[in-house]
Protein backbone atom coordinates (compact mmCIF):
# COMPACT_ATOMS: atom_id res chain seq x y z
CA LEU A 1 -26.74 -11.97 -13.27
CA LYS A 2 -28.75 -14.60 -11.39
CA VAL A 3 -30.90 -14.05 -8.29
CA GLN A 4 -32.37 -17.15 -6.72
CA ARG A 5 -34.44 -18.02 -3.69
CA ALA A 6 -33.46 -21.48 -2.46
CA VAL A 7 -34.74 -23.82 0.24
CA GLY A 8 -32.22 -26.34 1.50
CA GLN A 9 -32.61 -29.95 2.57
CA LEU A 10 -31.96 -31.34 6.01
CA ASN A 11 -29.38 -34.02 6.55
CA PHE A 12 -31.03 -36.93 8.38
CA GLY A 13 -27.90 -37.29 10.49
CA ASP A 14 -28.35 -33.76 11.86
CA PHE A 15 -31.42 -34.88 13.82
CA LEU A 16 -29.61 -37.71 15.57
CA GLY A 17 -27.15 -37.83 18.43
CA ARG A 18 -23.57 -38.54 17.48
CA VAL A 19 -20.51 -39.52 19.50
CA PHE A 20 -16.94 -38.60 18.48
CA LEU A 21 -14.76 -41.12 20.31
CA ASP A 22 -11.44 -39.68 19.13
CA ASN A 23 -12.14 -36.24 20.69
CA GLU A 24 -14.48 -37.32 23.51
CA ASN A 25 -17.28 -35.12 22.16
CA GLN A 26 -20.89 -35.75 21.27
CA ASN A 27 -23.83 -34.05 19.59
CA GLY A 28 -27.27 -34.34 21.14
CA SER A 29 -30.48 -35.06 19.22
CA ASN A 30 -32.52 -32.08 18.03
CA PHE A 31 -35.89 -32.69 16.36
CA GLU A 32 -36.69 -28.96 16.08
CA LEU A 33 -34.50 -28.46 13.02
CA VAL A 34 -35.93 -26.66 9.99
CA PRO A 35 -34.38 -26.34 6.51
CA GLU A 36 -32.17 -23.39 5.65
CA GLN A 37 -33.48 -20.77 3.24
CA ALA A 38 -31.26 -18.45 1.22
CA TRP A 39 -31.09 -15.61 -1.23
CA ASN A 40 -28.38 -16.45 -3.76
CA VAL A 41 -26.95 -13.72 -5.97
CA ASP A 42 -24.34 -14.45 -8.67
CA LEU A 43 -22.80 -11.97 -11.08
CA ALA A 44 -20.58 -13.61 -13.69
CA PHE A 45 -18.24 -12.20 -16.34
CA LYS A 46 -16.46 -14.11 -19.10
CA LYS A 47 -13.67 -12.75 -21.31
CA ASP A 48 -12.37 -14.51 -24.41
CA LEU A 49 -8.64 -13.83 -24.67
CA ALA A 50 -8.49 -15.12 -28.26
CA LYS A 51 -5.27 -17.09 -28.81
CA TRP A 52 -4.30 -16.61 -25.15
CA GLY A 53 -7.30 -18.52 -23.75
CA SER A 54 -10.16 -17.29 -21.57
CA THR A 55 -10.93 -16.01 -18.08
CA ASN A 56 -14.08 -16.11 -15.95
CA LEU A 57 -14.95 -14.07 -12.86
CA ARG A 58 -17.92 -14.79 -10.60
CA LEU A 59 -18.99 -12.61 -7.69
CA PHE A 60 -21.44 -14.20 -5.26
CA TYR A 61 -23.49 -13.53 -2.15
CA ARG A 62 -25.44 -15.98 0.01
CA GLY A 63 -27.82 -14.65 2.64
CA VAL A 64 -29.04 -17.62 4.70
CA SER A 65 -31.85 -17.70 7.23
CA ASP A 66 -32.32 -20.54 9.73
CA PHE A 67 -28.67 -21.45 9.26
CA VAL A 68 -27.77 -24.91 10.62
CA THR A 69 -24.78 -25.11 12.97
CA LEU A 70 -23.87 -26.39 16.44
CA ILE A 71 -25.97 -24.68 19.13
CA PRO A 72 -26.55 -25.09 22.88
CA LEU A 73 -29.51 -27.41 23.53
CA PRO A 74 -32.08 -27.01 26.33
CA ASP A 75 -30.73 -30.08 28.13
CA GLY A 76 -27.34 -28.39 28.57
CA GLY A 77 -25.61 -30.23 25.76
CA GLU A 78 -25.01 -29.23 22.17
CA GLY A 79 -26.24 -30.39 18.78
CA ARG A 80 -27.11 -29.32 15.28
CA GLY A 81 -29.70 -26.54 15.29
CA ASN A 82 -30.80 -23.31 13.65
CA ILE A 83 -29.61 -19.75 14.19
CA PRO A 84 -31.40 -16.75 12.62
CA SER A 85 -28.95 -15.90 9.83
CA ALA A 86 -25.52 -16.21 8.22
CA GLN A 87 -23.87 -14.61 5.19
CA ARG A 88 -21.25 -15.67 2.68
CA TYR A 89 -19.75 -13.57 -0.08
CA GLY A 90 -16.69 -13.53 -2.28
CA LEU A 91 -15.34 -14.25 -5.73
CA GLU A 92 -14.21 -17.16 -7.88
CA TRP A 93 -11.80 -16.46 -10.73
CA THR A 94 -10.87 -19.23 -13.18
CA SER A 95 -8.61 -18.86 -16.19
CA THR A 96 -7.03 -20.95 -18.94
CA LEU A 97 -3.89 -19.45 -20.47
CA THR A 98 -2.45 -21.11 -23.56
CA LEU A 99 1.29 -20.69 -24.07
CA ASP A 100 1.43 -21.22 -27.85
CA PRO A 101 1.85 -17.46 -28.51
CA ILE A 102 5.19 -17.46 -26.67
CA GLY A 103 6.45 -20.56 -28.51
CA PHE A 104 5.58 -23.15 -25.83
CA LYS A 105 3.48 -25.29 -28.16
CA GLY A 106 0.88 -27.58 -26.58
CA ALA A 107 1.21 -26.04 -23.11
CA LYS A 108 -1.44 -24.34 -21.01
CA ILE A 109 -1.91 -23.05 -17.47
CA ASP A 110 -5.21 -23.53 -15.64
CA SER A 111 -5.77 -21.48 -12.50
CA ASN A 112 -8.54 -21.16 -9.94
CA LEU A 113 -8.77 -18.57 -7.18
CA ILE A 114 -11.53 -18.48 -4.55
CA LEU A 115 -11.65 -15.74 -1.92
CA GLN A 116 -14.61 -15.57 0.41
CA ARG A 117 -15.77 -14.24 3.75
CA THR A 118 -18.53 -15.53 5.99
CA SER A 119 -20.36 -14.06 8.94
CA LEU A 120 -22.65 -15.31 11.70
CA LYS A 121 -23.34 -14.58 15.36
CA ASP A 122 -21.83 -17.22 17.61
CA PRO A 123 -24.80 -19.04 19.20
CA LEU A 124 -22.98 -19.14 22.55
CA THR A 125 -21.29 -15.74 22.86
CA GLY A 126 -23.29 -13.63 20.40
CA GLN A 127 -20.07 -12.32 18.86
CA THR A 128 -19.65 -12.15 15.10
CA ARG A 129 -17.33 -14.76 13.60
CA GLN A 130 -16.92 -16.84 10.45
CA ILE A 131 -18.63 -20.16 9.66
CA ASP A 132 -16.96 -23.27 11.08
CA TYR A 133 -14.57 -25.18 8.82
CA TRP A 134 -15.23 -22.84 5.88
CA THR A 135 -12.59 -22.43 3.19
CA THR A 136 -11.80 -18.72 2.92
CA ARG A 137 -8.97 -18.98 0.38
CA LEU A 138 -8.18 -21.53 -2.32
CA ILE A 139 -5.45 -21.17 -4.93
CA GLU A 140 -4.86 -23.77 -7.67
CA VAL A 141 -2.38 -23.45 -10.53
CA ASN A 142 -1.75 -26.31 -12.97
CA LEU A 143 0.62 -26.52 -15.95
CA ARG A 144 0.06 -29.18 -18.61
CA HIS A 145 2.18 -29.76 -21.71
CA ASP A 146 0.98 -32.13 -24.43
CA ILE A 147 4.15 -32.58 -26.46
CA PRO A 148 3.32 -31.93 -30.15
CA GLY A 149 3.68 -34.90 -32.47
CA SER A 150 3.77 -37.46 -29.65
CA ASP A 151 1.53 -39.28 -27.16
CA TRP A 152 3.45 -37.90 -24.19
CA ALA A 153 2.34 -35.21 -21.76
CA TRP A 154 3.73 -33.86 -18.51
CA GLY A 155 2.78 -31.25 -15.99
CA ALA A 156 3.05 -29.77 -12.52
CA GLY A 157 1.05 -27.64 -10.16
CA PHE A 158 0.20 -26.69 -6.62
CA GLU A 159 -2.78 -26.09 -4.35
CA HIS A 160 -3.14 -23.93 -1.25
CA VAL A 161 -6.20 -23.93 1.03
CA ASP A 162 -6.91 -21.76 4.07
CA SER A 163 -9.83 -22.75 6.33
CA GLN A 164 -11.59 -21.45 9.43
CA PRO A 165 -11.64 -23.00 12.93
CA TYR A 166 -14.57 -24.97 14.36
CA TYR A 167 -16.39 -24.07 17.56
CA ARG A 168 -18.05 -26.27 20.17
CA LEU A 169 -19.47 -25.29 23.55
CA ASN A 170 -16.26 -26.21 25.35
CA GLU A 171 -13.73 -26.28 22.52
CA ILE A 172 -12.17 -24.34 19.65
CA GLY A 173 -10.08 -26.16 17.07
CA LEU A 174 -8.58 -26.02 13.62
CA GLU A 175 -7.71 -28.83 11.20
CA SER A 176 -5.61 -28.05 8.17
CA GLU A 177 -3.40 -29.64 5.53
CA GLY A 178 -0.61 -27.90 3.71
CA PRO A 179 0.15 -25.10 3.57
CA VAL A 180 0.94 -26.14 -0.04
CA PHE A 181 0.41 -29.37 -1.95
CA ASP A 182 2.58 -29.70 -5.06
CA PHE A 183 2.25 -32.36 -7.75
CA TYR A 184 4.01 -33.54 -10.90
CA PHE A 185 2.99 -36.05 -13.55
CA VAL A 186 4.04 -37.73 -16.75
CA GLU A 187 1.50 -39.38 -19.05
CA HIS A 188 1.42 -41.57 -22.14
CA LYS A 189 -1.90 -41.53 -24.00
CA ASP A 190 -1.52 -44.74 -26.01
CA VAL A 191 -0.27 -47.80 -24.17
CA LEU A 192 -2.21 -50.65 -25.82
CA GLY A 193 -4.95 -48.09 -26.42
CA MET A 194 -5.00 -46.87 -22.83
CA THR A 195 -3.70 -43.81 -21.00
CA VAL A 196 -1.05 -44.50 -18.36
CA ARG A 197 -0.13 -41.76 -15.91
CA PHE A 198 2.36 -41.55 -13.05
CA ASP A 199 1.85 -38.86 -10.37
CA LEU A 200 4.29 -37.66 -7.75
CA ILE A 201 2.58 -35.60 -5.04
CA ASN A 202 3.75 -33.57 -2.05
CA LEU A 203 7.49 -33.18 -2.43
CA ALA A 204 7.07 -29.94 -0.42
CA ASN A 205 6.23 -32.02 2.68
CA ALA A 206 2.73 -30.73 3.39
CA ARG A 207 1.52 -31.70 6.85
CA HIS A 208 -1.77 -32.52 8.54
CA ARG A 209 -2.19 -30.22 11.54
CA VAL A 210 -4.71 -30.28 14.38
CA GLU A 211 -4.97 -27.63 17.09
CA ARG A 212 -7.49 -27.88 19.92
CA THR A 213 -8.13 -25.62 22.89
CA VAL A 214 -10.44 -27.37 25.36
CA PHE A 215 -12.04 -25.52 28.29
CA THR A 216 -13.15 -26.89 31.64
CA GLY A 217 -16.71 -25.77 30.87
CA ARG A 218 -18.33 -23.49 28.35
CA ARG A 219 -15.72 -21.54 26.46
CA ASP A 220 -17.34 -18.15 27.14
CA ASN A 221 -16.78 -18.27 30.92
CA SER A 222 -14.40 -21.15 31.76
CA PRO A 223 -10.61 -21.42 31.99
CA VAL A 224 -8.57 -23.51 29.56
CA ASP A 225 -8.28 -27.18 30.52
CA PHE A 226 -5.65 -28.19 27.98
CA VAL A 227 -4.23 -27.37 24.55
CA GLU A 228 -3.48 -30.11 22.01
CA ARG A 229 -1.31 -29.71 18.93
CA GLN A 230 -0.59 -32.33 16.29
CA SER A 231 1.60 -32.07 13.22
CA ARG A 232 1.85 -35.16 11.04
CA LEU A 233 3.96 -35.40 7.92
CA ILE A 234 1.83 -36.61 5.04
CA GLY A 235 4.91 -37.53 3.05
CA PRO A 236 5.34 -38.03 -0.70
CA ILE A 237 2.56 -39.86 -2.56
CA PHE A 238 3.20 -42.01 -5.65
CA ARG A 239 0.29 -42.95 -7.87
CA LEU A 240 0.07 -44.99 -11.07
CA SER A 241 -3.21 -44.94 -12.98
CA VAL A 242 -4.38 -46.77 -16.09
CA ARG A 243 -7.45 -45.47 -17.91
CA GLY A 244 -9.24 -46.71 -21.04
CA ASN A 245 -10.59 -49.84 -22.69
CA PHE A 246 -8.76 -53.01 -23.59
C-alpha cells in the first residue's frame, strides 16, 4: 500500500497561445496557471503461480486539485487553465502465463488489462463527465514461443484501446484507432550475432477514426453547425528490424 502527496509540473506550452490549423481552433494564453496537486493511493497484490508464472493486480486512486484542462478565458476565448478538482480510479492487472505445464515448451502469454474511470465537472456546463482523451480501457495479450533447441521464435497478439472524447467551448470530438490491432512476428536470434525480426501488423484492418460535432457558438447553448466524420484505413504494416552488435 502506498499513499503519496504529489505536486505536478507545468508544461511551458500550456501558458502560451496555440493555433490548430487543421481544425481551425486555437488556445489562448493563460499566465494564471498553477501546478496540479494530487493524493495518490496504490494498493498492489502479487501472486506467484509457481510453474504457471505470476500475476499482479494494482488498484489505484488519484484525487487531483487544480486540475489543468481547457477552460473559458476572461477574454471570451479558451485555453489551458485550472479547475478545482478531478478524480481517476481503476485497476491494472498484468500476468505472465507459461505454457510448459501443458506441453507447449518455451511458450508464454503476457497480458495487461487496464480499466479506469475519471470524473470532473465540465468547466463550461458544470456537468460531471470524464477527462478528455483519457484511456478508459486497454487490453493487451501477447503470445511468444521460443522454440526449444533453436534460435527461432514466433508470436502473435492483439491490442484494444477505448478512449474518451475531447471537449472545447464550441466542439466535441473523438479520435480513435482500432478497434483492434493484431500483430504477428518471426524472429531469429543469431544472424551474424544479431537478432533479426519480421513483424506483420494490422491484418484485421484497424482504422483511424475522427468524429467532430462543431457548434455555431458555445456548445451549451448553440445549435450544431456541422458534423464531420473520417474513417481512414491504416492498412497492413510490415517491419524488419535488426538488433545487436557486429
